[in-house]
Amino acid sequence: MRDVRKQLVDILVAEVKPALGCTEPVAVALACAKAKELLGEDIVKHNVLVSPNVYKNGMCVGIPGTDRLGLKISVALGFIGGHSENGLRVLETLTEEEVKAAEQYIDTNQISISPAETKEKVYIEVTLQGATKTSKVVIRTKHDNFVYLESNGEILLNEEVKEEVAITTTEEKENILDTITIKELVENIENLDFKEIEFLLEGISMNEEMANYGLNQKIGVGVGYGMKKSMENGLLGDDIINSAMMITAAASDARMAGVKLPVMSSNGSGNHGITAILPIVAYSKKFPQTDEKLAKSLAISHLVTAYVKNFTGRLSAVCGCGVAASTGATAGISWLMSGDIRQVEGAMENIVASLSGMICDGAKSGCALKLASAASAAVQSAIIANQDCFVPPLNGIVGTSVEQSIQNLGRVSDKGMSVTDEVIINVMDDMNKVK
């Protein structure tokens, strides 16, 4: 059992990290910063290739420190002032002068960035040429996972594998999320030493700070701000569902607008982190919890999010906040309410029945509306599960167990909606060309 708990803690350490800015453009900036460092001289020519999903998620989103949107400014920021040692906080140290220089760079240089022909969800390749040197960087699978580094012809890192070898390796490599049950996951979290997961509490203050920014001024769509004002004038009640919607949406409003504050991410996404954490915070504000119970609830939320993403894919045609992070949040809230595993499982299946069709059309200001829906569903599903109200087995894609339900969701997301994803990307690309 101890080995299982260690593996779960290792997943939390690897997947719950601070991130500044939307994760896809940040990952592009990270790759560009690393490539520029390896080049060691001025850039004469560059080429950036990204997976279609990274292309989709980075096209319309705000970037911290600048009014410009999207991947092109991310490329320039990485070239001009990025520091790769900062990982997913690569944009955090940029000065105003560096941001202005990056804006000037894209105004005077043609930025070469296009979708790569790959089925990999997270893939970024940056090739640079200087007057006398070259460099190449590849990120794959995770947003900060460098698999190839080359400087002037010298290969510094090569963890790339051929596709057929990669399939064999994936099949042989043990992944606890493939086999663990939700009951086992929750029981192991309940038995963790608080000190092992105390770091998760940092996500509360970090994500609340972003939410407060969105509550105190209308930014982005202004979903959180609008809900706050509606509560103040009596149009909306100040209950748990509305509070969860308000603070979750407000954090997304600010983050998608490019506010220069970090959030605690979950499974490679800042918005996932916002959704996995803040509905639990809203519940705790109404029904105060000890730090240990909060940390364990957050651990359940992040790990259930990882569990769902393991089957749906890291990036997909469905909104990860709606189908994964909301499932994590409802599991965490349900556990806080009762600790009853049947109710935790029931809350999760209620989410599968509710939000499984929410599409992902990239990271942008409108995500705040989706996060509001995800937060609402998370609290609602836990509340009704607490009254033993569950979707019955064999109901739509809900199966005979919560594990089967999540696997069914994964089949729909990863295989069933691949054409949907292509159409979404084509629609967005066509509109982007018109701009």
Protein backbone atom coordinates (compact mmCIF):
# COMPACT_ATOMS: atom_id res chain seq x y z
CA MET A 1 0.00 0.00 0.00
CA ARG A 2 2.87 2.33 0.81
CA ASP A 3 4.18 1.99 -2.75
CA VAL A 4 0.76 2.96 -4.12
CA ARG A 5 0.65 6.04 -1.90
CA LYS A 6 4.16 7.01 -3.03
CA GLN A 7 3.13 6.70 -6.69
CA LEU A 8 0.10 8.91 -6.08
CA VAL A 9 2.20 11.55 -4.31
CA ASP A 10 4.70 11.41 -7.18
CA ILE A 11 1.85 12.14 -9.63
CA LEU A 12 0.77 15.12 -7.51
CA VAL A 13 4.31 16.51 -7.38
CA ALA A 14 4.68 16.10 -11.15
CA GLU A 15 1.26 17.40 -12.16
CA VAL A 16 0.42 20.18 -9.69
CA LYS A 17 2.71 23.09 -10.50
CA PRO A 18 2.54 26.89 -10.66
CA ALA A 19 2.12 28.27 -14.18
CA LEU A 20 2.03 31.82 -15.50
CA GLY A 21 -0.19 32.26 -18.53
CA CYS A 22 -2.15 29.76 -20.61
CA THR A 23 -0.14 26.55 -20.66
CA GLU A 24 0.03 25.99 -24.43
CA PRO A 25 1.50 29.40 -25.41
CA VAL A 26 3.68 29.25 -22.29
CA ALA A 27 5.04 25.89 -23.46
CA VAL A 28 5.77 27.42 -26.87
CA ALA A 29 7.59 30.31 -25.19
CA LEU A 30 9.51 27.79 -23.07
CA ALA A 31 10.65 25.86 -26.14
CA CYS A 32 11.63 29.07 -27.92
CA ALA A 33 13.57 30.32 -24.90
CA LYS A 34 15.49 27.04 -24.67
CA ALA A 35 16.23 27.02 -28.40
CA LYS A 36 17.54 30.61 -28.24
CA GLU A 37 19.77 29.73 -25.26
CA LEU A 38 21.20 26.76 -27.15
CA LEU A 39 21.77 28.90 -30.25
CA GLY A 40 23.78 31.48 -28.33
CA GLU A 41 23.59 34.18 -31.01
CA ASP A 42 21.08 36.31 -32.91
CA ILE A 43 18.37 34.47 -34.81
CA VAL A 44 18.55 34.67 -38.59
CA LYS A 45 15.84 32.12 -39.37
CA HIS A 46 13.34 30.19 -37.29
CA ASN A 47 10.62 27.58 -37.70
CA VAL A 48 8.10 26.55 -35.05
CA LEU A 49 5.83 23.52 -35.43
CA VAL A 50 3.13 22.66 -32.89
CA SER A 51 0.54 19.90 -32.61
CA PRO A 52 -2.96 20.84 -33.80
CA ASN A 53 -4.22 20.86 -30.20
CA VAL A 54 -1.48 23.25 -29.05
CA TYR A 55 -2.25 25.39 -32.11
CA LYS A 56 -5.95 25.44 -31.18
CA ASN A 57 -5.41 26.24 -27.51
CA GLY A 58 -2.90 29.02 -28.12
CA MET A 59 -4.52 30.86 -31.01
CA CYS A 60 -6.81 33.34 -29.22
CA VAL A 61 -5.64 33.52 -25.62
CA GLY A 62 -4.24 36.51 -23.73
CA ILE A 63 -0.54 36.48 -22.86
CA PRO A 64 0.78 37.88 -19.54
CA GLY A 65 2.36 41.31 -19.81
CA THR A 66 1.08 42.23 -23.28
CA ASP A 67 -2.16 43.14 -25.03
CA ARG A 68 -1.25 40.86 -27.93
CA LEU A 69 -2.96 37.47 -28.25
CA GLY A 70 -1.81 34.06 -29.28
CA LEU A 71 1.19 31.99 -30.24
CA LYS A 72 3.13 34.53 -32.33
CA ILE A 73 3.75 36.84 -29.41
CA SER A 74 4.61 33.78 -27.30
CA VAL A 75 7.32 32.86 -29.80
CA ALA A 76 8.75 36.38 -29.68
CA LEU A 77 8.62 36.59 -25.88
CA GLY A 78 10.50 33.29 -25.64
CA PHE A 79 13.15 34.52 -28.04
CA ILE A 80 13.58 37.95 -26.46
CA GLY A 81 13.35 37.45 -22.71
CA GLY A 82 12.41 33.90 -21.77
CA HIS A 83 14.44 31.93 -19.23
CA SER A 84 13.96 28.20 -19.66
CA GLU A 85 15.13 27.40 -16.14
CA ASN A 86 11.83 28.87 -14.94
CA GLY A 87 9.85 26.09 -16.61
CA LEU A 88 6.16 26.91 -16.99
CA ARG A 89 6.79 30.25 -15.25
CA VAL A 90 9.06 31.21 -18.15
CA LEU A 91 7.25 34.51 -18.81
CA GLU A 92 7.24 35.65 -15.20
CA THR A 93 10.58 37.50 -15.25
CA LEU A 94 9.95 39.45 -18.47
CA THR A 95 10.48 43.20 -18.12
CA GLU A 96 8.34 45.85 -19.83
CA GLU A 97 11.28 46.60 -22.12
CA GLU A 98 11.51 42.94 -23.17
CA VAL A 99 7.77 42.79 -23.84
CA LYS A 100 7.99 45.91 -26.02
CA ALA A 101 10.97 44.43 -27.84
CA ALA A 102 8.99 41.23 -28.46
CA GLU A 103 6.02 43.22 -29.80
CA GLN A 104 8.38 45.09 -32.11
CA TYR A 105 9.92 41.78 -33.16
CA ILE A 106 6.61 40.38 -34.44
CA ASP A 107 5.84 43.70 -36.14
CA THR A 108 9.10 43.59 -38.11
CA ASN A 109 9.61 39.82 -38.58
CA GLN A 110 7.48 37.15 -40.17
CA ILE A 111 6.74 34.60 -37.43
CA SER A 112 6.87 31.06 -38.78
CA ILE A 113 4.50 28.88 -36.72
CA SER A 114 2.19 26.23 -38.10
CA PRO A 115 0.45 22.96 -37.16
CA ALA A 116 2.63 19.86 -37.32
CA GLU A 117 1.44 16.65 -38.94
CA THR A 118 1.28 14.63 -35.73
CA LYS A 119 -1.30 12.79 -33.68
CA GLU A 120 0.59 13.73 -30.52
CA LYS A 121 -1.57 16.02 -28.37
CA VAL A 122 1.34 18.04 -26.95
CA TYR A 123 4.16 18.55 -29.45
CA ILE A 124 6.35 21.63 -30.00
CA GLU A 125 9.40 21.74 -32.29
CA VAL A 126 11.59 24.84 -32.59
CA THR A 127 14.45 25.02 -35.10
CA LEU A 128 16.73 28.07 -35.13
CA GLN A 129 19.50 29.23 -37.43
CA GLY A 130 21.96 31.99 -36.61
CA ALA A 131 24.84 33.44 -38.57
CA THR A 132 27.15 30.58 -37.60
CA LYS A 133 25.16 28.18 -35.40
CA THR A 134 21.94 26.18 -35.26
CA SER A 135 19.73 24.73 -32.52
CA LYS A 136 16.70 22.50 -32.21
CA VAL A 137 14.30 21.77 -29.34
CA VAL A 138 11.37 19.37 -29.05
CA ILE A 139 8.77 19.20 -26.27
CA ARG A 140 6.47 16.18 -26.29
CA THR A 141 3.66 14.59 -24.20
CA LYS A 142 3.81 17.16 -21.36
CA HIS A 143 4.11 20.92 -21.66
CA ASP A 144 7.54 21.12 -20.00
CA ASN A 145 8.90 17.75 -21.11
CA PHE A 146 11.96 18.28 -23.32
CA VAL A 147 12.71 15.15 -25.35
CA TYR A 148 15.26 16.54 -27.81
CA LEU A 149 17.94 19.22 -27.50
CA GLU A 150 20.51 20.03 -30.17
CA SER A 151 23.09 22.81 -30.27
CA ASN A 152 25.09 23.43 -33.45
CA GLY A 153 24.85 19.81 -34.53
CA GLU A 154 25.67 18.35 -31.12
CA ILE A 155 22.81 16.30 -29.67
CA LEU A 156 22.54 17.10 -25.95
CA LEU A 157 19.37 15.10 -25.26
CA ASN A 158 17.52 12.55 -27.34
CA GLU A 159 14.56 10.77 -25.76
CA GLU A 160 12.62 10.65 -29.01
CA VAL A 161 11.50 7.15 -30.06
CA LYS A 162 10.03 5.78 -33.24
CA GLU A 163 6.25 5.43 -33.23
CA GLU A 164 6.21 1.62 -33.25
CA VAL A 165 8.77 1.52 -30.40
CA ALA A 166 6.77 4.11 -28.46
CA ILE A 167 3.65 1.94 -28.68
CA THR A 168 5.51 -1.07 -27.30
CA THR A 169 7.07 1.00 -24.54
CA THR A 170 3.72 2.47 -23.54
CA GLU A 171 2.18 -0.99 -23.32
CA GLU A 172 4.98 -2.31 -21.13
CA LYS A 173 5.29 0.67 -18.80
CA GLU A 174 3.14 0.37 -15.70
CA ASN A 175 0.75 3.24 -15.12
CA ILE A 176 -1.10 3.11 -11.82
CA LEU A 177 -3.95 5.19 -13.27
CA ASP A 178 -4.72 2.37 -15.71
CA THR A 179 -5.57 -0.10 -12.95
CA ILE A 180 -6.36 1.71 -9.69
CA THR A 181 -10.02 2.02 -8.69
CA ILE A 182 -11.50 5.26 -7.37
CA LYS A 183 -12.15 3.50 -4.04
CA GLU A 184 -8.47 2.55 -3.78
CA LEU A 185 -7.40 6.04 -4.80
CA VAL A 186 -9.53 7.71 -2.12
CA GLU A 187 -8.54 5.23 0.60
CA ASN A 188 -4.85 5.77 -0.11
CA ILE A 189 -5.26 9.55 0.01
CA GLU A 190 -7.09 9.25 3.34
CA ASN A 191 -4.04 7.45 4.76
CA LEU A 192 -1.43 9.91 3.50
CA ASP A 193 0.74 11.89 5.89
CA PHE A 194 -0.43 15.53 5.76
CA LYS A 195 3.14 16.77 5.27
CA GLU A 196 3.39 14.85 1.97
CA ILE A 197 0.56 16.87 0.41
CA GLU A 198 0.68 20.11 2.41
CA PHE A 199 2.14 21.85 -0.66
CA LEU A 200 -1.25 21.54 -2.38
CA LEU A 201 -2.61 24.27 -0.11
CA GLU A 202 -0.41 26.78 -1.96
CA GLY A 203 -2.83 26.39 -4.86
CA ILE A 204 -5.63 27.89 -2.80
CA SER A 205 -3.93 31.24 -2.12
CA MET A 206 -2.44 31.36 -5.62
CA ASN A 207 -5.71 30.71 -7.47
CA GLU A 208 -7.74 32.89 -5.09
CA GLU A 209 -5.43 35.81 -5.86
CA MET A 210 -6.19 35.40 -9.55
CA ALA A 211 -9.92 35.13 -8.77
CA ASN A 212 -9.83 38.31 -6.68
CA TYR A 213 -8.29 40.16 -9.61
CA GLY A 214 -11.22 39.12 -11.80
CA LEU A 215 -13.75 39.99 -9.11
CA ASN A 216 -12.45 43.49 -8.43
CA GLN A 217 -12.59 44.68 -12.03
CA LYS A 218 -14.33 43.67 -15.23
CA ILE A 219 -11.75 41.86 -17.31
CA GLY A 220 -12.14 39.43 -20.17
CA VAL A 221 -15.79 38.47 -20.49
CA GLY A 222 -16.32 39.52 -16.89
CA VAL A 223 -18.28 36.41 -15.89
CA GLY A 224 -17.09 36.39 -12.28
CA TYR A 225 -17.41 40.17 -11.96
CA GLY A 226 -20.94 40.06 -13.40
CA MET A 227 -21.97 37.34 -10.96
CA LYS A 228 -20.52 39.26 -8.02
CA LYS A 229 -22.47 42.39 -8.97
CA SER A 230 -25.62 40.31 -9.44
CA MET A 231 -25.21 38.87 -5.93
CA GLU A 232 -24.75 42.35 -4.50
CA ASN A 233 -27.98 43.62 -6.07
CA GLY A 234 -29.97 40.53 -5.10
CA LEU A 235 -30.41 39.08 -8.56
CA LEU A 236 -28.40 35.98 -7.54
CA GLY A 237 -28.24 34.29 -4.16
CA ASP A 238 -24.95 33.92 -2.31
CA ASP A 239 -25.06 30.12 -2.13
CA ILE A 240 -22.35 27.49 -2.65
CA ILE A 241 -23.08 26.88 -6.32
CA ASN A 242 -23.09 30.56 -7.26
CA SER A 243 -20.01 31.26 -5.12
CA ALA A 244 -18.14 28.41 -6.80
CA MET A 245 -19.19 29.64 -10.24
CA MET A 246 -18.23 33.23 -9.38
CA ILE A 247 -14.70 32.69 -8.10
CA THR A 248 -13.85 29.97 -10.64
CA ALA A 249 -15.03 32.10 -13.56
CA ALA A 250 -13.32 35.22 -12.19
CA ALA A 251 -9.98 33.45 -12.04
CA SER A 252 -10.42 32.30 -15.64
CA ASP A 253 -11.51 35.81 -16.72
CA ALA A 254 -8.25 37.23 -15.40
CA ARG A 255 -6.01 34.39 -16.54
CA MET A 256 -7.37 34.23 -20.10
CA ALA A 257 -6.95 38.01 -20.37
CA GLY A 258 -3.23 37.59 -19.67
CA VAL A 259 -2.99 38.94 -16.11
CA LYS A 260 0.59 38.49 -14.95
CA LEU A 261 -0.10 36.28 -11.95
CA PRO A 262 0.66 32.56 -11.62
CA VAL A 263 -1.98 29.95 -10.91
CA MET A 264 -1.56 26.43 -9.61
CA SER A 265 -2.06 24.18 -12.61
CA SER A 266 -3.31 20.61 -12.69
CA ASN A 267 -2.24 18.03 -15.27
CA GLY A 268 -0.65 20.58 -17.55
CA SER A 269 -3.42 23.20 -17.48
CA GLY A 270 -3.91 26.33 -15.41
CA ASN A 271 -7.66 26.33 -16.05
CA HIS A 272 -7.78 22.70 -14.90
CA GLY A 273 -6.06 23.83 -11.70
CA ILE A 274 -8.55 26.65 -11.23
CA THR A 275 -11.48 24.24 -11.71
CA ALA A 276 -9.99 21.49 -9.56
CA ILE A 277 -9.29 23.85 -6.65
CA LEU A 278 -11.70 26.79 -6.41
CA PRO A 279 -15.06 24.96 -6.14
CA ILE A 280 -13.55 23.16 -3.14
CA VAL A 281 -12.50 26.55 -1.75
CA ALA A 282 -16.08 27.83 -2.18
CA TYR A 283 -17.41 24.85 -0.22
CA SER A 284 -14.81 25.34 2.51
CA LYS A 285 -15.76 28.99 2.89
CA LYS A 286 -19.34 27.96 3.64
CA PHE A 287 -18.34 24.91 5.73
CA PRO A 288 -14.81 25.52 7.10
CA GLN A 289 -12.40 22.58 6.93
CA THR A 290 -9.07 21.79 8.60
CA ASP A 291 -5.93 22.22 6.50
CA GLU A 292 -5.42 18.46 6.46
CA LYS A 293 -8.92 17.73 5.17
CA LEU A 294 -8.56 20.47 2.58
CA ALA A 295 -5.22 19.09 1.39
CA LYS A 296 -6.66 15.57 1.09
CA SER A 297 -9.71 16.88 -0.74
CA LEU A 298 -7.42 18.71 -3.18
CA ALA A 299 -5.32 15.57 -3.60
CA ILE A 300 -8.46 13.62 -4.52
CA SER A 301 -9.48 16.38 -6.94
CA HIS A 302 -6.11 16.56 -8.73
CA LEU A 303 -5.71 12.77 -8.89
CA VAL A 304 -9.23 12.17 -10.18
CA THR A 305 -8.55 14.85 -12.79
CA ALA A 306 -5.40 12.93 -13.74
CA TYR A 307 -7.39 9.69 -13.78
CA VAL A 308 -9.91 11.12 -16.25
CA LYS A 309 -7.19 12.71 -18.41
CA ASN A 310 -5.44 9.34 -18.55
CA PHE A 311 -8.39 8.07 -20.60
CA THR A 312 -9.51 11.21 -22.47
CA GLY A 313 -6.02 12.36 -23.46
CA ARG A 314 -4.07 15.39 -22.27
CA LEU A 315 -5.64 17.62 -24.92
CA SER A 316 -8.79 16.65 -26.80
CA ALA A 317 -11.98 17.79 -28.51
CA VAL A 318 -13.80 17.94 -25.18
CA CYS A 319 -13.29 20.63 -22.54
CA GLY A 320 -10.94 19.19 -19.91
CA CYS A 321 -12.30 21.58 -17.30
CA GLY A 322 -15.81 20.32 -17.98
CA VAL A 323 -15.13 16.58 -18.10
CA ALA A 324 -11.95 16.09 -16.04
CA ALA A 325 -11.27 18.90 -13.53
CA SER A 326 -14.97 19.22 -12.66
CA THR A 327 -15.03 15.45 -12.00
CA GLY A 328 -12.04 15.91 -9.72
CA ALA A 329 -13.66 18.85 -7.93
CA THR A 330 -16.96 17.03 -7.38
CA ALA A 331 -15.08 14.02 -5.96
CA GLY A 332 -13.17 16.30 -3.57
CA ILE A 333 -16.31 18.14 -2.47
CA SER A 334 -18.31 14.93 -2.07
CA TRP A 335 -15.55 13.46 0.08
CA LEU A 336 -15.57 16.58 2.29
CA MET A 337 -19.34 16.32 2.66
CA SER A 338 -19.53 12.72 3.82
CA GLY A 339 -16.41 10.65 3.16
CA ASP A 340 -18.77 8.02 1.72
CA ILE A 341 -17.10 6.36 -1.29
CA ARG A 342 -20.42 5.50 -2.94
CA GLN A 343 -21.39 9.15 -2.88
CA VAL A 344 -17.98 10.17 -4.27
CA GLU A 345 -18.38 7.70 -7.12
CA GLY A 346 -21.98 8.78 -7.69
CA ALA A 347 -21.01 12.46 -7.87
CA MET A 348 -18.40 11.60 -10.50
CA GLU A 349 -20.92 9.65 -12.58
CA ASN A 350 -23.35 12.55 -12.36
CA ILE A 351 -20.69 14.71 -14.04
CA VAL A 352 -20.16 12.13 -16.78
CA ALA A 353 -23.91 12.22 -17.47
CA SER A 354 -23.96 16.03 -17.37
CA LEU A 355 -21.01 17.67 -19.15
CA SER A 356 -19.55 14.93 -21.36
CA GLY A 357 -20.40 16.77 -24.60
CA MET A 358 -18.78 20.15 -23.83
CA ILE A 359 -16.38 20.87 -26.71
CA CYS A 360 -12.97 22.53 -26.42
CA ASP A 361 -12.55 25.32 -28.96
CA GLY A 362 -9.26 26.58 -27.62
CA ALA A 363 -8.12 28.75 -24.74
CA LYS A 364 -9.71 32.20 -24.81
CA SER A 365 -11.77 34.66 -22.77
CA GLY A 366 -14.94 32.59 -23.32
CA CYS A 367 -13.42 29.78 -21.25
CA ALA A 368 -14.66 31.61 -18.15
CA LEU A 369 -18.22 30.64 -19.11
CA LYS A 370 -17.23 26.99 -19.43
CA LEU A 371 -15.42 27.06 -16.08
CA ALA A 372 -18.53 28.58 -14.48
CA SER A 373 -20.58 25.67 -15.84
CA ALA A 374 -17.94 23.17 -14.70
CA ALA A 375 -17.87 24.62 -11.17
CA SER A 376 -21.66 24.66 -10.98
CA ALA A 377 -21.90 21.04 -12.12
CA ALA A 378 -19.19 19.98 -9.67
CA VAL A 379 -21.03 21.40 -6.66
CA GLN A 380 -24.46 20.35 -7.89
CA SER A 381 -23.34 16.77 -8.56
CA ALA A 382 -21.82 16.47 -5.08
CA ILE A 383 -24.90 17.98 -3.42
CA ILE A 384 -27.36 15.59 -5.02
CA ALA A 385 -25.01 12.63 -4.51
CA ASN A 386 -25.00 13.55 -0.83
CA GLN A 387 -28.74 12.78 -0.94
CA ASP A 388 -27.98 9.44 -2.63
CA CYS A 389 -29.20 10.73 -5.98
CA PHE A 390 -27.09 9.09 -8.71
CA VAL A 391 -27.41 8.39 -12.41
CA PRO A 392 -28.29 4.67 -12.65
CA PRO A 393 -25.97 2.15 -14.34
CA LEU A 394 -26.13 1.65 -18.12
CA ASN A 395 -27.58 5.12 -18.58
CA GLY A 396 -26.15 6.65 -21.77
CA ILE A 397 -22.36 6.30 -21.47
CA VAL A 398 -22.58 5.79 -17.70
CA GLY A 399 -21.52 2.18 -17.14
CA THR A 400 -21.80 -0.39 -14.38
CA SER A 401 -18.96 1.21 -12.38
CA VAL A 402 -17.43 4.64 -12.13
CA GLU A 403 -14.24 3.27 -13.70
CA GLN A 404 -16.16 1.98 -16.72
CA SER A 405 -17.98 5.31 -17.01
CA ILE A 406 -14.68 7.21 -17.17
CA GLN A 407 -13.28 4.73 -19.69
CA ASN A 408 -16.41 5.18 -21.81
CA LEU A 409 -15.94 8.94 -21.60
CA GLY A 410 -12.36 8.44 -22.76
CA ARG A 411 -13.48 6.40 -25.77
CA VAL A 412 -15.94 9.12 -26.78
CA SER A 413 -13.38 11.87 -26.27
CA ASP A 414 -10.22 10.31 -27.66
CA LYS A 415 -11.63 8.19 -30.50
CA GLY A 416 -15.19 9.30 -31.13
CA MET A 417 -14.51 13.04 -31.36
CA SER A 418 -11.26 13.08 -33.34
CA VAL A 419 -13.13 14.31 -36.44
CA THR A 420 -14.87 16.92 -34.29
CA ASP A 421 -11.47 18.19 -33.16
CA GLU A 422 -10.28 18.52 -36.76
CA VAL A 423 -13.39 20.47 -37.71
CA ILE A 424 -13.03 22.79 -34.69
CA ILE A 425 -9.41 23.53 -35.59
CA ASN A 426 -10.31 24.14 -39.25
CA VAL A 427 -13.12 26.52 -38.29
CA MET A 428 -10.84 28.47 -35.96
CA ASP A 429 -8.00 28.51 -38.50
CA ASP A 430 -10.33 29.84 -41.21
CA MET A 431 -11.48 32.68 -38.93
CA ASN A 432 -7.90 33.42 -37.92
CA LYS A 433 -6.90 33.83 -41.57
CA VAL A 434 -9.66 36.41 -42.07
CA LYS A 435 -8.44 38.60 -39.21
